[in-house]
Protein backbone atom coordinates (compact mmCIF):
# COMPACT_ATOMS: atom_id res chain seq x y z
CA MET A 1 67.83 124.11 129.24
CA ALA A 2 64.15 123.42 128.51
CA ASP A 3 64.58 124.62 124.94
CA LEU A 4 67.72 122.59 124.60
CA GLU A 5 66.03 119.40 125.83
CA LYS A 6 63.17 120.05 123.45
CA SER A 7 65.61 120.39 120.58
CA LYS A 8 67.29 117.15 121.58
CA ASP A 9 64.01 115.23 121.59
CA GLU A 10 62.93 116.65 118.26
CA LEU A 11 66.26 115.94 116.56
CA GLN A 12 67.01 112.49 117.92
CA GLY A 13 67.12 109.76 115.28
CA GLU A 14 66.66 112.05 112.27
CA GLN A 15 69.32 111.95 109.58
CA VAL A 16 69.08 115.53 108.32
CA ASP A 17 67.49 117.31 111.26
CA ILE A 18 70.40 119.72 111.63
CA ASP A 19 69.03 121.62 108.65
CA HIS A 20 66.01 122.59 110.75
CA VAL A 21 67.82 123.73 113.90
CA GLU A 22 67.18 127.45 114.33
CA LEU A 23 70.11 128.48 116.46
CA LYS A 24 69.72 132.23 116.63
CA PRO A 25 66.23 132.31 118.17
CA ASN A 26 67.18 129.62 120.71
CA SER A 27 68.84 131.65 123.47
CA ASP A 28 69.70 128.64 125.63
CA LEU A 29 71.42 126.87 122.75
CA MET A 30 73.32 130.01 121.74
CA ARG A 31 74.44 130.59 125.33
CA GLU A 32 75.76 127.04 125.50
CA ALA A 33 77.56 127.58 122.19
CA PHE A 34 79.18 130.74 123.60
CA ASP A 35 80.26 128.88 126.76
CA GLY A 36 81.64 125.98 124.73
CA GLU A 37 83.76 128.22 122.51
CA ASN A 38 85.01 130.31 125.43
CA ARG A 39 86.03 127.11 127.21
CA GLU A 40 87.99 126.05 124.13
CA HIS A 41 89.90 129.34 124.12
CA GLU A 42 90.61 129.21 127.85
CA LEU A 43 91.90 125.63 127.88
CA GLY A 44 95.71 125.50 127.99
CA VAL A 45 97.82 122.90 126.21
CA TRP A 46 98.78 120.79 129.20
CA GLU A 47 95.35 121.03 130.78
CA ALA A 48 93.75 119.97 127.49
CA ALA A 49 96.11 117.01 127.17
CA LYS A 50 95.31 115.85 130.71
CA LEU A 51 91.56 116.22 130.24
CA HIS A 52 91.44 114.63 126.77
CA PRO A 53 93.94 111.74 126.67
CA TRP A 54 91.54 109.58 124.65
CA ALA A 55 91.07 112.30 122.04
CA CYS A 56 94.87 112.50 121.69
CA LEU A 57 95.12 108.71 121.41
CA TRP A 58 92.53 108.47 118.64
CA ALA A 59 94.06 111.43 116.78
CA PHE A 60 97.52 109.84 116.99
CA THR A 61 96.12 106.47 115.88
CA MET A 62 94.52 107.98 112.78
CA CYS A 63 97.70 109.90 111.99
CA PHE A 64 99.76 106.73 112.38
CA THR A 65 98.14 105.31 109.23
CA ILE A 66 100.51 107.62 107.33
CA VAL A 67 103.41 105.40 108.44
CA MET A 68 102.45 103.03 105.60
CA GLU A 69 102.84 105.67 102.88
CA SER A 70 106.11 106.77 104.46
CA PHE A 71 107.33 103.18 104.77
CA ASP A 72 106.74 102.44 101.12
CA MET A 73 108.04 105.79 99.87
CA PHE A 74 111.35 105.40 101.67
CA LEU A 75 111.49 101.69 100.83
CA ASN A 76 111.52 102.38 97.09
CA SER A 77 114.29 104.94 97.42
CA SER A 78 116.30 102.38 99.42
CA PHE A 79 115.78 99.62 96.84
CA VAL A 80 117.69 101.54 94.18
CA ALA A 81 120.68 101.67 96.55
CA LEU A 82 120.63 97.92 97.39
CA ASP A 83 123.53 96.12 95.72
CA TYR A 84 121.62 92.91 94.92
CA PHE A 85 118.58 94.84 93.65
CA LYS A 86 120.85 96.85 91.31
CA GLU A 87 122.64 93.68 90.22
CA THR A 88 119.32 91.97 89.42
CA TYR A 89 117.42 94.80 87.72
CA GLY A 90 120.10 97.36 86.88
CA VAL A 91 122.03 98.22 83.73
CA ALA A 92 125.76 98.74 83.30
CA VAL A 93 127.03 102.28 83.89
CA VAL A 94 129.42 103.59 81.24
CA GLY A 95 132.96 103.70 82.63
CA SER A 96 132.09 101.66 85.73
CA THR A 97 131.90 98.00 86.72
CA GLU A 98 128.77 98.64 88.78
CA LYS A 99 125.15 98.61 87.69
CA ALA A 100 122.41 101.18 88.33
CA ILE A 101 118.63 101.17 88.05
CA PRO A 102 117.72 103.22 84.93
CA THR A 103 116.28 106.65 85.67
CA ARG A 104 112.95 105.82 84.03
CA TRP A 105 112.45 102.82 86.33
CA GLN A 106 113.63 104.75 89.39
CA SER A 107 111.06 107.40 88.59
CA ALA A 108 108.40 104.78 87.92
CA LEU A 109 108.99 103.11 91.29
CA PHE A 110 108.96 106.44 93.12
CA GLN A 111 105.97 107.80 91.23
CA ALA A 112 103.71 104.74 91.04
CA GLY A 113 102.50 104.94 94.63
CA GLN A 114 101.94 108.67 94.32
CA CYS A 115 99.86 108.17 91.16
CA GLY A 116 97.74 105.62 93.01
CA ALA A 117 97.42 107.98 95.97
CA PHE A 118 96.30 110.73 93.59
CA VAL A 119 93.36 108.52 92.64
CA GLY A 120 92.80 107.61 96.29
CA VAL A 121 92.47 111.17 97.57
CA PHE A 122 89.73 111.93 95.06
CA LEU A 123 87.88 108.79 96.08
CA ALA A 124 88.35 109.59 99.77
CA GLY A 125 86.36 112.83 99.83
CA PRO A 126 83.01 111.50 98.53
CA ILE A 127 83.38 108.23 100.45
CA THR A 128 84.14 110.06 103.69
CA ASN A 129 81.17 112.39 103.22
CA ARG A 130 78.96 109.31 102.93
CA VAL A 131 80.36 106.81 105.48
CA GLY A 132 82.63 108.88 107.76
CA TYR A 133 86.32 109.00 108.60
CA ARG A 134 86.39 105.68 110.46
CA TRP A 135 84.84 103.45 107.82
CA THR A 136 86.74 105.11 104.96
CA THR A 137 90.00 104.41 106.79
CA ILE A 138 88.95 100.84 107.58
CA ILE A 139 88.22 100.25 103.87
CA GLY A 140 91.68 101.64 103.07
CA LEU A 141 93.38 99.33 105.58
CA ILE A 142 91.64 96.27 104.10
CA LEU A 143 92.77 97.34 100.60
CA MET A 144 96.29 97.85 101.91
CA ASN A 145 96.49 94.29 103.21
CA ALA A 146 95.37 92.98 99.82
CA THR A 147 97.60 95.07 97.55
CA ILE A 148 100.84 94.30 99.42
CA PHE A 149 100.62 90.77 97.93
CA ILE A 150 101.25 92.11 94.42
CA SER A 151 104.47 93.92 95.38
CA PHE A 152 105.71 91.05 97.53
CA PHE A 153 105.37 88.41 94.80
CA ALA A 154 106.56 90.68 91.94
CA LYS A 155 109.30 89.20 89.74
CA SER A 156 109.94 92.24 87.55
CA LEU A 157 110.19 96.01 87.87
CA ALA A 158 106.97 96.34 85.88
CA VAL A 159 104.91 94.20 88.28
CA LEU A 160 106.54 95.86 91.30
CA THR A 161 105.56 99.23 89.85
CA VAL A 162 101.94 98.09 89.36
CA GLY A 163 101.88 96.82 92.94
CA GLN A 164 103.11 100.18 94.23
CA ALA A 165 100.45 102.01 92.23
CA LEU A 166 97.67 99.89 93.72
CA GLU A 167 99.08 100.31 97.24
CA GLY A 168 98.92 104.03 96.65
CA VAL A 169 95.11 104.10 96.47
CA PRO A 170 94.61 103.41 100.21
CA TRP A 171 97.44 105.84 100.98
CA GLY A 172 95.20 108.49 99.46
CA PHE A 173 92.44 107.55 101.91
CA PHE A 174 94.80 107.82 104.87
CA ILE A 175 96.43 111.14 103.99
CA ALA A 176 93.11 112.78 103.06
CA ASN A 177 91.39 111.79 106.31
CA SER A 178 94.11 111.88 108.96
CA PRO A 179 94.68 115.65 109.31
CA ALA A 180 90.94 116.36 109.12
CA TYR A 181 90.00 113.77 111.74
CA ALA A 182 92.82 114.73 114.11
CA SER A 183 91.90 118.41 114.00
CA GLU A 184 88.22 117.66 114.66
CA VAL A 185 88.54 115.36 117.69
CA VAL A 186 90.99 117.34 119.87
CA PRO A 187 90.52 120.71 121.64
CA LEU A 188 91.64 123.87 119.87
CA SER A 189 94.90 124.19 121.86
CA LEU A 190 96.02 120.68 120.85
CA ARG A 191 95.34 120.97 117.14
CA GLY A 192 98.89 121.99 116.25
CA ALA A 193 100.60 119.21 118.20
CA CYS A 194 98.20 116.46 117.13
CA THR A 195 98.19 117.26 113.42
CA ALA A 196 102.00 117.58 113.57
CA THR A 197 102.02 113.87 114.49
CA LEU A 198 101.50 113.17 110.78
CA GLN A 199 105.08 114.19 110.11
CA MET A 200 106.25 112.01 113.00
CA SER A 201 104.54 109.04 111.34
CA TRP A 202 106.60 109.77 108.23
CA SER A 203 109.75 109.67 110.34
CA ILE A 204 108.75 106.43 112.06
CA GLY A 205 108.22 104.84 108.65
CA SER A 206 111.61 106.03 107.44
CA ILE A 207 113.35 104.77 110.63
CA VAL A 208 111.86 101.29 110.24
CA VAL A 209 112.79 101.23 106.54
CA SER A 210 116.32 102.46 107.19
CA GLY A 211 116.90 99.84 109.88
CA VAL A 212 115.41 96.97 107.88
CA THR A 213 117.09 97.79 104.58
CA TYR A 214 120.44 98.27 106.33
CA ALA A 215 120.03 94.85 107.98
CA TYR A 216 119.27 93.27 104.59
CA SER A 217 121.64 95.39 102.47
CA LYS A 218 124.26 92.61 102.32
CA GLN A 219 121.72 89.87 101.58
CA GLN A 220 122.54 88.24 98.26
CA SER A 221 119.04 87.06 97.38
CA ASP A 222 115.56 88.36 96.58
CA TRP A 223 114.93 88.62 100.32
CA ALA A 224 117.06 91.76 100.30
CA TRP A 225 113.90 93.59 99.19
CA ARG A 226 111.11 91.04 99.70
CA ALA A 227 111.61 90.92 103.48
CA PRO A 228 111.20 94.72 103.86
CA LEU A 229 108.10 94.54 101.63
CA ALA A 230 106.63 91.80 103.83
CA LEU A 231 107.04 93.99 106.93
CA GLN A 232 104.31 96.24 105.57
CA TRP A 233 101.82 93.65 106.81
CA LEU A 234 102.75 94.58 110.39
CA PHE A 235 100.69 97.77 110.25
CA PRO A 236 97.21 97.43 108.66
CA THR A 237 95.52 94.82 110.87
CA PRO A 238 96.37 96.30 114.32
CA LEU A 239 95.44 99.75 113.04
CA LEU A 240 92.18 98.42 111.60
CA ILE A 241 91.18 97.09 115.03
CA LEU A 242 92.04 100.39 116.75
CA ILE A 243 90.22 102.51 114.16
CA PHE A 244 87.17 100.27 114.49
CA LEU A 245 87.13 101.01 118.23
CA ALA A 246 87.66 104.77 117.75
CA PRO A 247 84.77 107.26 117.94
CA GLU A 248 83.62 108.99 114.77
CA SER A 249 84.34 112.71 114.51
CA PRO A 250 81.47 114.56 116.24
CA TRP A 251 81.76 117.31 113.61
CA TRP A 252 81.08 114.76 110.84
CA LEU A 253 78.14 113.34 112.80
CA ILE A 254 76.67 116.82 113.31
CA ARG A 255 77.01 117.51 109.59
CA ARG A 256 75.03 114.33 108.94
CA GLY A 257 72.38 115.27 111.51
CA ARG A 258 73.26 112.42 113.91
CA ARG A 259 73.08 114.53 117.04
CA GLU A 260 72.87 111.85 119.74
CA GLU A 261 75.80 109.93 118.25
CA ALA A 262 77.78 113.18 118.14
CA LEU A 263 77.08 113.74 121.83
CA ARG A 264 78.32 110.22 122.64
CA SER A 265 81.50 110.85 120.62
CA ILE A 266 82.12 114.10 122.47
CA LYS A 267 81.86 112.27 125.80
CA ARG A 268 84.18 109.49 124.62
CA LEU A 269 86.71 112.10 123.53
CA GLY A 270 87.03 113.51 127.06
CA LYS A 271 84.06 115.74 127.91
CA GLU A 272 82.40 113.40 130.39
CA ASN A 273 80.74 116.27 132.26
CA GLU A 274 77.18 116.57 130.92
CA ASP A 275 77.15 120.38 130.80
CA GLU A 276 80.53 120.60 129.02
CA ALA A 277 79.48 117.96 126.50
CA HIS A 278 76.29 119.87 125.63
CA GLN A 279 78.25 123.12 125.36
CA ALA A 280 80.67 121.52 122.91
CA LEU A 281 77.74 120.09 120.95
CA ALA A 282 76.03 123.48 120.79
CA MET A 283 79.25 125.11 119.58
CA MET A 284 79.52 122.57 116.77
CA GLU A 285 75.86 122.93 115.81
CA ARG A 286 76.22 126.68 115.64
CA THR A 287 79.27 126.54 113.36
CA VAL A 288 77.74 123.89 111.09
CA LYS A 289 74.49 125.86 110.87
CA ILE A 290 76.32 129.04 109.88
CA GLU A 291 78.12 127.13 107.11
CA ARG A 292 74.95 125.38 105.93
CA GLU A 293 73.28 128.75 105.42
CA GLN A 294 75.98 129.46 102.83
CA GLY A 295 75.43 126.24 100.83
CA GLY A 296 73.76 122.83 100.72
CA ASN A 297 75.36 119.43 100.38
CA PRO A 298 79.09 119.78 99.61
CA THR A 299 80.48 119.05 96.14
CA LEU A 300 83.92 119.46 94.58
CA LEU A 301 82.69 122.51 92.68
CA ASP A 302 81.97 124.25 96.01
CA LEU A 303 85.72 124.36 96.61
CA LEU A 304 85.99 126.84 93.74
CA LYS A 305 83.13 129.13 94.79
CA GLY A 306 83.24 132.36 96.78
CA THR A 307 85.60 132.51 99.76
CA ASP A 308 86.13 128.74 99.62
CA LEU A 309 88.23 129.29 96.50
CA ARG A 310 90.73 131.26 98.59
CA ARG A 311 90.77 128.52 101.24
CA THR A 312 91.26 125.82 98.62
CA THR A 313 94.11 127.77 97.03
CA ILE A 314 95.93 128.10 100.36
CA THR A 315 95.46 124.39 101.10
CA CYS A 316 96.76 123.37 97.66
CA LEU A 317 99.74 125.73 97.71
CA VAL A 318 100.85 124.74 101.22
CA TYR A 319 100.55 121.05 100.41
CA ALA A 320 102.34 121.36 97.04
CA SER A 321 105.13 123.48 98.53
CA GLN A 322 106.28 120.55 100.68
CA ASN A 323 108.01 119.27 97.54
CA PHE A 324 110.02 122.43 96.94
CA ALA A 325 111.92 123.16 100.15
CA GLY A 326 114.22 120.17 100.66
CA ASN A 327 111.70 117.40 101.28
CA LEU A 328 112.75 115.37 98.23
CA ILE A 329 116.33 115.26 99.49
CA ALA A 330 115.00 113.76 102.72
CA ASN A 331 112.85 111.25 100.82
CA GLN A 332 115.84 110.04 98.79
CA ALA A 333 118.40 110.44 101.57
CA THR A 334 120.16 107.06 101.20
CA PHE A 335 120.56 107.46 97.44
CA PHE A 336 121.69 111.10 97.92
CA PHE A 337 124.44 110.00 100.32
CA GLU A 338 125.71 107.48 97.75
CA GLN A 339 125.81 110.16 95.08
CA ALA A 340 127.63 112.47 97.53
CA GLY A 341 130.53 109.99 97.55
CA PHE A 342 129.80 107.56 100.41
CA SER A 343 129.90 103.78 100.17
CA SER A 344 126.60 101.89 100.05
CA ASP A 345 127.09 100.65 103.63
CA ARG A 346 127.83 104.14 104.99
CA ALA A 347 124.96 105.64 102.98
CA PHE A 348 122.51 103.27 104.70
CA GLN A 349 123.97 104.16 108.10
CA LEU A 350 123.61 107.88 107.38
CA GLY A 351 120.06 107.27 106.15
CA LEU A 352 119.20 105.71 109.52
CA VAL A 353 120.81 108.61 111.39
CA ASN A 354 118.87 111.05 109.23
CA SER A 355 115.57 109.30 109.96
CA CYS A 356 116.22 109.25 113.72
CA LEU A 357 117.05 112.95 113.73
CA GLN A 358 113.86 113.68 111.80
CA PHE A 359 111.94 111.86 114.53
CA VAL A 360 113.59 114.11 117.15
CA ALA A 361 112.69 117.17 115.08
CA ASN A 362 109.07 115.98 114.90
CA GLY A 363 108.97 115.76 118.69
CA LEU A 364 110.31 119.30 118.96
CA SER A 365 107.68 120.47 116.46
CA TRP A 366 104.97 119.76 119.07
CA PHE A 367 106.38 122.57 121.19
CA VAL A 368 107.15 124.81 118.21
CA SER A 369 103.60 124.53 116.81
CA THR A 370 102.11 125.07 120.28
CA TYR A 371 103.96 128.25 121.17
CA PHE A 372 104.53 129.89 117.78
CA GLY A 373 102.08 130.85 115.07
CA ARG A 374 101.56 128.71 111.98
CA ARG A 375 102.61 131.53 109.66
CA THR A 376 105.72 132.29 111.76
CA VAL A 377 106.90 128.67 111.79
CA TYR A 378 106.31 128.25 108.07
CA LEU A 379 108.14 131.43 107.04
CA TRP A 380 111.16 130.94 109.31
CA GLY A 381 111.47 127.24 108.48
CA THR A 382 111.39 127.95 104.75
CA ALA A 383 113.88 130.82 105.04
CA THR A 384 116.33 128.65 106.99
CA ASN A 385 116.19 125.88 104.41
CA ILE A 386 116.69 128.33 101.55
CA VAL A 387 120.01 129.37 103.09
CA LEU A 388 121.09 125.77 103.77
CA LEU A 389 120.14 124.58 100.27
CA MET A 390 122.18 127.33 98.65
CA ILE A 391 125.17 126.48 100.85
CA LEU A 392 124.76 122.82 99.83
CA GLY A 393 124.93 123.85 96.19
CA VAL A 394 128.13 125.86 96.81
CA VAL A 395 129.82 122.98 98.66
CA ALA A 396 128.98 120.59 95.81
CA SER A 397 130.38 123.04 93.23
CA ILE A 398 133.95 123.18 94.56
CA GLU A 399 136.62 120.50 94.18
CA GLN A 400 135.39 117.34 95.87
CA ASN A 401 137.19 115.42 98.60
CA ASN A 402 136.32 113.61 101.82
CA SER A 403 135.62 116.89 103.63
CA THR A 404 133.16 118.12 101.02
CA ASN A 405 131.42 114.72 101.06
CA ILE A 406 130.96 115.02 104.82
CA ALA A 407 129.79 118.63 104.45
CA GLN A 408 127.18 117.65 101.84
CA ALA A 409 125.89 114.81 104.01
CA SER A 410 125.74 117.09 107.08
CA LEU A 411 123.86 119.79 105.20
CA ALA A 412 121.39 117.27 103.76
CA ILE A 413 120.71 115.93 107.27
CA LEU A 414 120.31 119.47 108.64
CA ILE A 415 117.89 120.41 105.82
CA SER A 416 115.84 117.29 106.58
CA PHE A 417 115.90 118.14 110.31
CA ILE A 418 114.63 121.69 109.73
CA PHE A 419 111.92 120.44 107.39
CA ALA A 420 110.80 117.76 109.86
CA GLY A 421 110.62 120.30 112.71
CA THR A 422 108.93 123.22 110.93
CA LEU A 423 107.64 123.06 107.36
CA GLY A 424 106.52 119.44 107.33
CA PRO A 425 104.37 119.26 110.48
CA ILE A 426 103.06 122.83 110.39
CA SER A 427 101.78 122.28 106.84
CA TYR A 428 99.37 119.61 108.09
CA THR A 429 98.14 121.96 110.82
CA ILE A 430 97.55 124.76 108.31
CA ILE A 431 95.71 122.41 105.94
CA SER A 432 93.40 121.06 108.63
CA GLU A 433 92.53 124.54 109.92
CA THR A 434 92.08 126.36 106.61
CA SER A 435 89.16 124.44 105.12
CA SER A 436 85.56 124.97 106.22
CA ILE A 437 83.89 122.22 108.26
CA ARG A 438 81.36 121.59 105.48
CA LEU A 439 84.05 121.00 102.84
CA ARG A 440 86.85 119.59 105.01
CA ALA A 441 86.87 116.02 103.66
CA LEU A 442 86.88 117.31 100.08
CA SER A 443 89.35 120.12 100.75
CA THR A 444 92.03 117.98 102.40
CA ALA A 445 91.68 115.47 99.55
CA VAL A 446 92.06 118.08 96.81
CA GLY A 447 94.95 119.69 98.69
CA ARG A 448 96.77 116.37 98.82
CA ALA A 449 96.03 115.88 95.13
CA ALA A 450 97.86 119.17 94.51
CA TYR A 451 100.78 117.72 96.48
CA TYR A 452 100.92 114.71 94.14
CA VAL A 453 100.55 116.86 91.03
CA ALA A 454 103.66 118.74 92.16
CA GLU A 455 105.50 115.71 93.51
CA ILE A 456 105.20 113.29 90.59
CA PRO A 457 107.20 115.42 88.10
CA MET A 458 109.52 116.59 90.88
CA ILE A 459 110.40 112.98 91.76
CA TYR A 460 111.44 112.46 88.15
CA LEU A 461 113.45 115.68 88.27
CA ALA A 462 115.09 114.70 91.58
CA SER A 463 116.02 111.26 90.22
CA LYS A 464 117.38 112.84 87.04
CA MET A 465 119.49 115.27 89.07
CA LEU A 466 120.98 112.60 91.34
CA ASN A 467 121.29 109.54 89.10
CA THR A 468 124.68 108.72 87.54
CA THR A 469 122.77 107.82 84.36
CA GLY A 470 121.11 111.26 84.49
CA TRP A 471 122.60 114.66 85.32
CA ASN A 472 124.67 113.39 88.28
CA LEU A 473 124.44 116.74 90.14
CA ALA A 474 124.63 115.38 93.71
CA GLY A 475 124.57 118.38 96.09
CA LYS A 476 124.29 120.90 93.27
CA CYS A 477 120.57 120.16 93.33
CA GLY A 478 120.57 122.54 96.32
CA TYR A 479 120.54 125.45 93.86
CA VAL A 480 117.35 124.13 92.27
CA TRP A 481 115.49 123.41 95.52
CA GLY A 482 116.74 126.65 97.09
CA GLY A 483 115.24 128.59 94.19
CA THR A 484 111.89 126.83 94.40
CA ALA A 485 111.84 127.32 98.18
CA CYS A 486 112.22 131.08 97.60
CA VAL A 487 109.03 131.06 95.54
CA CYS A 488 107.24 129.20 98.35
CA TRP A 489 108.40 131.78 100.92
CA ILE A 490 107.20 134.72 98.83
CA MET A 491 103.75 133.17 98.28
CA ALA A 492 103.40 132.34 101.97
CA TYR A 493 104.40 135.86 103.04
CA PHE A 494 101.60 137.43 101.02
CA PHE A 495 98.86 134.78 101.17
CA LEU A 496 99.25 132.60 104.29
CA PRO A 497 97.04 133.77 107.22
CA GLU A 498 97.66 133.08 110.92
CA MET A 499 95.03 130.70 112.32
CA LYS A 500 96.53 129.81 115.68
CA HIS A 501 93.97 130.09 118.54
CA ARG A 502 91.11 130.52 116.07
CA SER A 503 87.95 128.45 116.41
CA TYR A 504 86.40 127.13 113.20
CA ARG A 505 83.62 129.74 113.53
CA GLU A 506 86.19 132.56 113.77
CA THR A 507 88.09 131.22 110.79
CA ASP A 508 84.88 131.09 108.73
CA ILE A 509 84.09 134.71 109.62
CA LEU A 510 87.59 135.97 108.78
CA PHE A 511 87.51 134.32 105.37
CA ASN A 512 83.96 135.47 104.67
CA ARG A 513 85.00 139.04 105.47
CA LYS A 514 87.94 138.65 103.06
CA THR A 515 90.36 139.68 105.80
CA PRO A 516 93.92 140.13 104.42
CA ALA A 517 96.32 137.34 105.43
CA ARG A 518 98.55 139.61 107.52
CA LYS A 519 95.56 140.93 109.52
CA PHE A 520 94.18 137.55 110.60
CA LYS A 521 96.16 137.56 113.83
CA SER A 522 95.15 141.06 114.97
CA THR A 523 91.46 140.99 113.98
CA VAL A 524 89.11 140.59 116.96
CA ILE A 525 86.01 138.39 116.54
CA ALA A 526 83.41 138.57 119.31
CA VAL A 527 81.90 135.34 120.61
CA ASP A 528 78.38 136.39 119.56
CA GLU A 529 79.26 137.24 115.94
CA ASN A 530 77.97 134.88 113.27
CA GLU A 531 78.97 136.62 110.04
């Protein structure tokens, strides 16, 4: 302990002192690092939750910022199904007395926020590296409050589209930071459940949107869509206050050399016992030191160097694949139900049911991600949706009647349920665990950028497939998404490693040794190994 206290005194108050910590010669510090990591492995799920309720609260709070992206994403898909919105901004459909929003404007509304978020995720990485997760998120929440005004007061599809694009920029901040922060503030055994909360935030957003748009669906005025837009202001300010009160990630503080602040964060997150707090601190210092020996200050180019290229590829592929296994059906559920033959009123009701069932699936995913491996959940979830998507395509291909309409709606809801319980939440866990500590802020941002690169053209394709002014495929789109989901399954089978129960140090070592994906689970890493 004498050496440890000496190290504390020497490092206190210095911004970059972590670069000068010699961990290997310091036996006391190494022993504390060993004890801290062993404690992480020994801590069970329920015990960890009871000992670290504040860590769970702050992780959930950060993840809840995603509700705003979800809210707006589902809101846009609901607008195109609102009768008064279609009457105001739509065009006549050949052979029908009804109007529809042109495909190009549907796509623009759906894609605008994602384009803004694409910019936001690239801004988030450098900003987070400089000011931390908390202040980056606070900046995003302030921007969110400001940009909602543009959408709310829009009087044309063009201005509404611009407003959505600007709202997307803070979304990028939220989605880049949330999985990284959540994975860094909770114990190892809670990582899966806490990062899975991101998908639950998506479901909460869709439930609120479904309820509000259904309530206003018969409104014959601009308030049919302005009132739901105004409800976005419910979220940023309360979240801003909570995030301001939250502790910064101790991992980020250690990376910046702010050792005493990191120790205070560790204690606020649940390790009030002095010895346990110092053990956790030593474990973090050891991991950060090992990574620093492999490179200096992180840059985007580092994501493409050495073993980090493999980690970046996995992160990007897992994120992008969310768009190819049924997720876009869930995101456009209300419009899909209309195209499947249901009235506008019934389509909104089914959309609300679908959102509520997704929320249930998200709750179940906490247990699934806790007791099953990340790779196992991803592969089985994808395989199940492949089968269901192909069946959806078959049902939509036969002669249509009320029974086939019900079957299509049921299959779409089931596909969304499976996605919300397996693929969706486990993807965030995989992403947060794959990147190295040193590059985490940049890696999660670039991974989400890959998601948007895949999603933006896929949104156009999905709108084209469903729209009556496009290909009007309805459930036949199941063939397309089933085929793309097959590609995702094959890539995951060969390239996705199992990282459940692995500390960040162990994950670093496995990647540095170029361990094959299917051997991650069985490879033993001793607590005293550093490379």
